[in-house]
C-alpha atoms as a PDB file:
ATOM      1  CA  MET A   1     -26.376  -4.558  24.808  1.00  0.00           C
ATOM      2  CA  SER A   2     -23.765  -3.642  27.323  1.00  0.00           C
ATOM      3  CA  ASP A   3     -21.974  -0.320  27.426  1.00  0.00           C
ATOM      4  CA  ASN A   4     -18.731  -2.170  28.032  1.00  0.00           C
ATOM      5  CA  TYR A   5     -16.400  -1.352  25.140  1.00  0.00           C
ATOM      6  CA  LYS A   6     -14.486  -4.623  25.629  1.00  0.00           C
ATOM      7  CA  GLU A   7     -17.426  -6.651  24.287  1.00  0.00           C
ATOM      8  CA  TRP A   8     -17.142  -5.239  20.748  1.00  0.00           C
ATOM      9  CA  LEU A   9     -15.534  -8.470  19.561  1.00  0.00           C
ATOM     10  CA  GLU A  10     -18.712 -10.398  20.343  1.00  0.00           C
ATOM     11  CA  MET A  11     -20.750  -8.028  18.136  1.00  0.00           C
ATOM     12  CA  ILE A  12     -18.652  -8.497  14.973  1.00  0.00           C
ATOM     13  CA  PRO A  13     -20.600 -11.541  13.646  1.00  0.00           C
ATOM     14  CA  PHE A  14     -23.880  -9.617  13.963  1.00  0.00           C
ATOM     15  CA  ALA A  15     -22.439  -6.587  12.197  1.00  0.00           C
ATOM     16  CA  LEU A  16     -21.065  -8.776   9.395  1.00  0.00           C
ATOM     17  CA  TRP A  17     -24.408 -10.557   9.005  1.00  0.00           C
ATOM     18  CA  GLY A  18     -26.148  -7.195   8.723  1.00  0.00           C
ATOM     19  CA  TYR A  19     -23.626  -5.993   6.157  1.00  0.00           C
ATOM     20  CA  LYS A  20     -23.785  -9.155   4.035  1.00  0.00           C
ATOM     21  CA  THR A  21     -27.586  -9.274   3.991  1.00  0.00           C
ATOM     22  CA  SER A  22     -28.389  -5.612   3.274  1.00  0.00           C
ATOM     23  CA  ILE A  23     -28.720  -4.260  -0.230  1.00  0.00           C
ATOM     24  CA  ARG A  24     -25.672  -2.298  -1.297  1.00  0.00           C
ATOM     25  CA  THR A  25     -26.518   0.858  -3.206  1.00  0.00           C
ATOM     26  CA  ALA A  26     -23.550   0.420  -5.511  1.00  0.00           C
ATOM     27  CA  MET A  27     -24.517  -3.136  -6.520  1.00  0.00           C
ATOM     28  CA  GLY A  28     -28.280  -3.105  -6.207  1.00  0.00           C
ATOM     29  CA  VAL A  29     -28.219  -6.515  -4.469  1.00  0.00           C
ATOM     30  CA  THR A  30     -26.851  -8.013  -1.273  1.00  0.00           C
ATOM     31  CA  PRO A  31     -23.316  -9.436  -1.149  1.00  0.00           C
ATOM     32  CA  TYR A  32     -24.866 -12.665   0.161  1.00  0.00           C
ATOM     33  CA  TYR A  33     -26.936 -13.003  -3.004  1.00  0.00           C
ATOM     34  CA  LEU A  34     -23.927 -12.507  -5.261  1.00  0.00           C
ATOM     35  CA  VAL A  35     -22.078 -15.302  -3.464  1.00  0.00           C
ATOM     36  CA  TYR A  36     -24.842 -17.859  -2.892  1.00  0.00           C
ATOM     37  CA  GLY A  37     -27.389 -17.010  -5.584  1.00  0.00           C
ATOM     38  CA  MET A  38     -30.284 -16.580  -3.155  1.00  0.00           C
ATOM     39  CA  GLU A  39     -31.270 -14.217  -0.398  1.00  0.00           C
ATOM     40  CA  ALA A  40     -30.388 -15.203   3.141  1.00  0.00           C
ATOM     41  CA  VAL A  41     -33.019 -16.488   5.528  1.00  0.00           C
ATOM     42  CA  GLN A  42     -33.047 -14.147   8.483  1.00  0.00           C
ATOM     43  CA  PRO A  43     -33.024 -15.829  11.912  1.00  0.00           C
ATOM     44  CA  VAL A  44     -36.331 -14.196  12.802  1.00  0.00           C
ATOM     45  CA  GLU A  45     -37.928 -15.864   9.757  1.00  0.00           C
ATOM     46  CA  LEU A  46     -37.379 -19.244  11.394  1.00  0.00           C
ATOM     47  CA  GLU A  47     -39.536 -18.282  14.378  1.00  0.00           C
ATOM     48  CA  VAL A  48     -42.101 -16.149  12.563  1.00  0.00           C
ATOM     49  CA  PRO A  49     -42.288 -17.451   8.985  1.00  0.00           C
ATOM     50  CA  SER A  50     -42.329 -14.732   6.336  1.00  0.00           C
ATOM     51  CA  LEU A  51     -44.365 -14.912   3.146  1.00  0.00           C
ATOM     52  CA  ARG A  52     -41.262 -16.005   1.258  1.00  0.00           C
ATOM     53  CA  ILE A  53     -40.640 -18.905   3.655  1.00  0.00           C
ATOM     54  CA  LEU A  54     -44.301 -19.958   3.594  1.00  0.00           C
ATOM     55  CA  LEU A  55     -44.392 -19.985  -0.193  1.00  0.00           C
ATOM     56  CA  GLU A  56     -41.163 -21.987  -0.434  1.00  0.00           C
ATOM     57  CA  SER A  57     -42.353 -24.533   2.127  1.00  0.00           C
ATOM     58  CA  GLN A  58     -45.456 -25.323   0.052  1.00  0.00           C
ATOM     59  CA  VAL A  59     -43.501 -25.976  -3.168  1.00  0.00           C
ATOM     60  CA  PRO A  60     -42.787 -29.657  -3.908  1.00  0.00           C
ATOM     61  CA  GLU A  61     -39.120 -30.555  -3.511  1.00  0.00           C
ATOM     62  CA  ALA A  62     -38.595 -31.375  -7.202  1.00  0.00           C
ATOM     63  CA  ASP A  63     -39.989 -27.984  -8.219  1.00  0.00           C
ATOM     64  CA  TRP A  64     -37.869 -26.247  -5.580  1.00  0.00           C
ATOM     65  CA  VAL A  65     -34.717 -27.999  -6.857  1.00  0.00           C
ATOM     66  CA  GLN A  66     -35.547 -26.982 -10.444  1.00  0.00           C
ATOM     67  CA  ALA A  67     -36.191 -23.391  -9.386  1.00  0.00           C
ATOM     68  CA  ARG A  68     -32.915 -23.354  -7.443  1.00  0.00           C
ATOM     69  CA  TYR A  69     -31.040 -24.730 -10.463  1.00  0.00           C
ATOM     70  CA  ASP A  70     -32.614 -22.083 -12.712  1.00  0.00           C
ATOM     71  CA  SER A  71     -31.661 -19.326 -10.272  1.00  0.00           C
ATOM     72  CA  LEU A  72     -28.070 -20.594 -10.159  1.00  0.00           C
ATOM     73  CA  VAL A  73     -27.936 -20.617 -13.964  1.00  0.00           C
ATOM     74  CA  MET A  74     -29.097 -17.000 -13.943  1.00  0.00           C
ATOM     75  CA  LEU A  75     -26.601 -16.064 -11.230  1.00  0.00           C
ATOM     76  CA  ASP A  76     -23.892 -15.062 -13.726  1.00  0.00           C
ATOM     77  CA  GLU A  77     -26.359 -12.718 -15.384  1.00  0.00           C
ATOM     78  CA  ARG A  78     -27.291 -11.212 -12.027  1.00  0.00           C
ATOM     79  CA  ARG A  79     -23.599 -10.755 -11.224  1.00  0.00           C
ATOM     80  CA  LEU A  80     -23.076  -8.960 -14.545  1.00  0.00           C
ATOM     81  CA  ASN A  81     -26.082  -6.755 -13.805  1.00  0.00           C
ATOM     82  CA  ALA A  82     -24.546  -5.943 -10.414  1.00  0.00           C
ATOM     83  CA  LEU A  83     -21.265  -5.071 -12.141  1.00  0.00           C
ATOM     84  CA  TYR A  84     -23.079  -2.729 -14.556  1.00  0.00           C
ATOM     85  CA  HIS A  85     -24.941  -1.218 -11.613  1.00  0.00           C
ATOM     86  CA  VAL A  86     -21.618  -0.587  -9.841  1.00  0.00           C
ATOM     87  CA  GLN A  87     -20.170   1.052 -12.954  1.00  0.00           C
ATOM     88  CA  LEU A  88     -23.201   3.326 -13.344  1.00  0.00           C
ATOM     89  CA  TYR A  89     -23.041   4.185  -9.652  1.00  0.00           C
ATOM     90  CA  GLN A  90     -19.351   5.065  -9.943  1.00  0.00           C
ATOM     91  CA  LYS A  91     -20.036   7.286 -12.958  1.00  0.00           C
ATOM     92  CA  ARG A  92     -22.823   9.019 -11.061  1.00  0.00           C
ATOM     93  CA  ILE A  93     -20.510   9.620  -8.094  1.00  0.00           C
ATOM     94  CA  GLU A  94     -17.767  10.844 -10.451  1.00  0.00           C
ATOM     95  CA  ARG A  95     -20.137  13.331 -12.108  1.00  0.00           C
ATOM     96  CA  ALA A  96     -21.268  14.623  -8.716  1.00  0.00           C
ATOM     97  CA  PHE A  97     -17.650  15.007  -7.597  1.00  0.00           C
ATOM     98  CA  ASN A  98     -16.562  16.673 -10.835  1.00  0.00           C
ATOM     99  CA  LYS A  99     -19.333  19.276 -10.514  1.00  0.00           C
ATOM    100  CA  LYS A 100     -17.626  20.540  -7.360  1.00  0.00           C
ATOM    101  CA  VAL A 101     -14.125  20.641  -8.861  1.00  0.00           C
ATOM    102  CA  LYS A 102     -13.011  24.004 -10.160  1.00  0.00           C
ATOM    103  CA  PRO A 103     -10.473  23.627 -12.972  1.00  0.00           C
ATOM    104  CA  ARG A 104      -7.378  25.750 -12.618  1.00  0.00           C
ATOM    105  CA  GLY A 105      -5.170  26.448 -15.540  1.00  0.00           C
ATOM    106  CA  ILE A 106      -1.450  26.266 -14.815  1.00  0.00           C
ATOM    107  CA  SER A 107       0.903  27.827 -17.285  1.00  0.00           C
ATOM    108  CA  GLU A 108       4.659  28.055 -17.471  1.00  0.00           C
ATOM    109  CA  GLY A 109       6.020  30.507 -14.938  1.00  0.00           C
ATOM    110  CA  ASP A 110       3.229  30.027 -12.376  1.00  0.00           C
ATOM    111  CA  LEU A 111       4.263  29.286  -8.820  1.00  0.00           C
ATOM    112  CA  VAL A 112       3.208  25.846  -7.625  1.00  0.00           C
ATOM    113  CA  LEU A 113       3.755  23.873  -4.459  1.00  0.00           C
ATOM    114  CA  LYS A 114       6.035  20.915  -4.994  1.00  0.00           C
ATOM    115  CA  SER A 115       6.043  18.103  -2.488  1.00  0.00           C
ATOM    116  CA  VAL A 116       9.161  15.975  -2.230  1.00  0.00           C
ATOM    117  CA  ARG A 117       8.464  12.695  -0.537  1.00  0.00           C
ATOM    118  CA  ALA A 118      10.936  10.102   0.619  1.00  0.00           C
ATOM    119  CA  LEU A 119      10.784   6.770  -1.157  1.00  0.00           C
ATOM    120  CA  VAL A 120       9.089   4.033   0.824  1.00  0.00           C
ATOM    121  CA  PRO A 121      10.922   0.714   0.464  1.00  0.00           C
ATOM    122  CA  THR A 122       8.780  -2.093  -0.909  1.00  0.00           C
ATOM    123  CA  ASN A 123      10.690  -4.657   1.156  1.00  0.00           C
ATOM    124  CA  PRO A 124      10.559  -3.812   4.883  1.00  0.00           C
ATOM    125  CA  ARG A 125      13.960  -5.466   5.407  1.00  0.00           C
ATOM    126  CA  GLU A 126      15.743  -3.008   3.137  1.00  0.00           C
END
């Protein structure tokens, strides 16, 4: 890899591939799996077959098609499980954040800082 900062554009596809094929903590699965219903075949697995590739290559085509169909049928369930995983993850993050927050009671007569902000037009032509 070159130290030339102008070549960053050529690295974007590799970074995206890495992002789409790594397990997200919040979801518990890869984004690629949630879209396509199966894990991606890594380019290195084409040169040096992994156990997964070897096992799939020995399965008769009819059985592979049936297994693929069954996995696609179960995809909605896996997506729901990912959604529940995200919700649990968000609650866990919220609890961790709320532990650090110190509640402050404000009563009438207390001095507070009031920020007056200018309205931002929704239409840039206004």
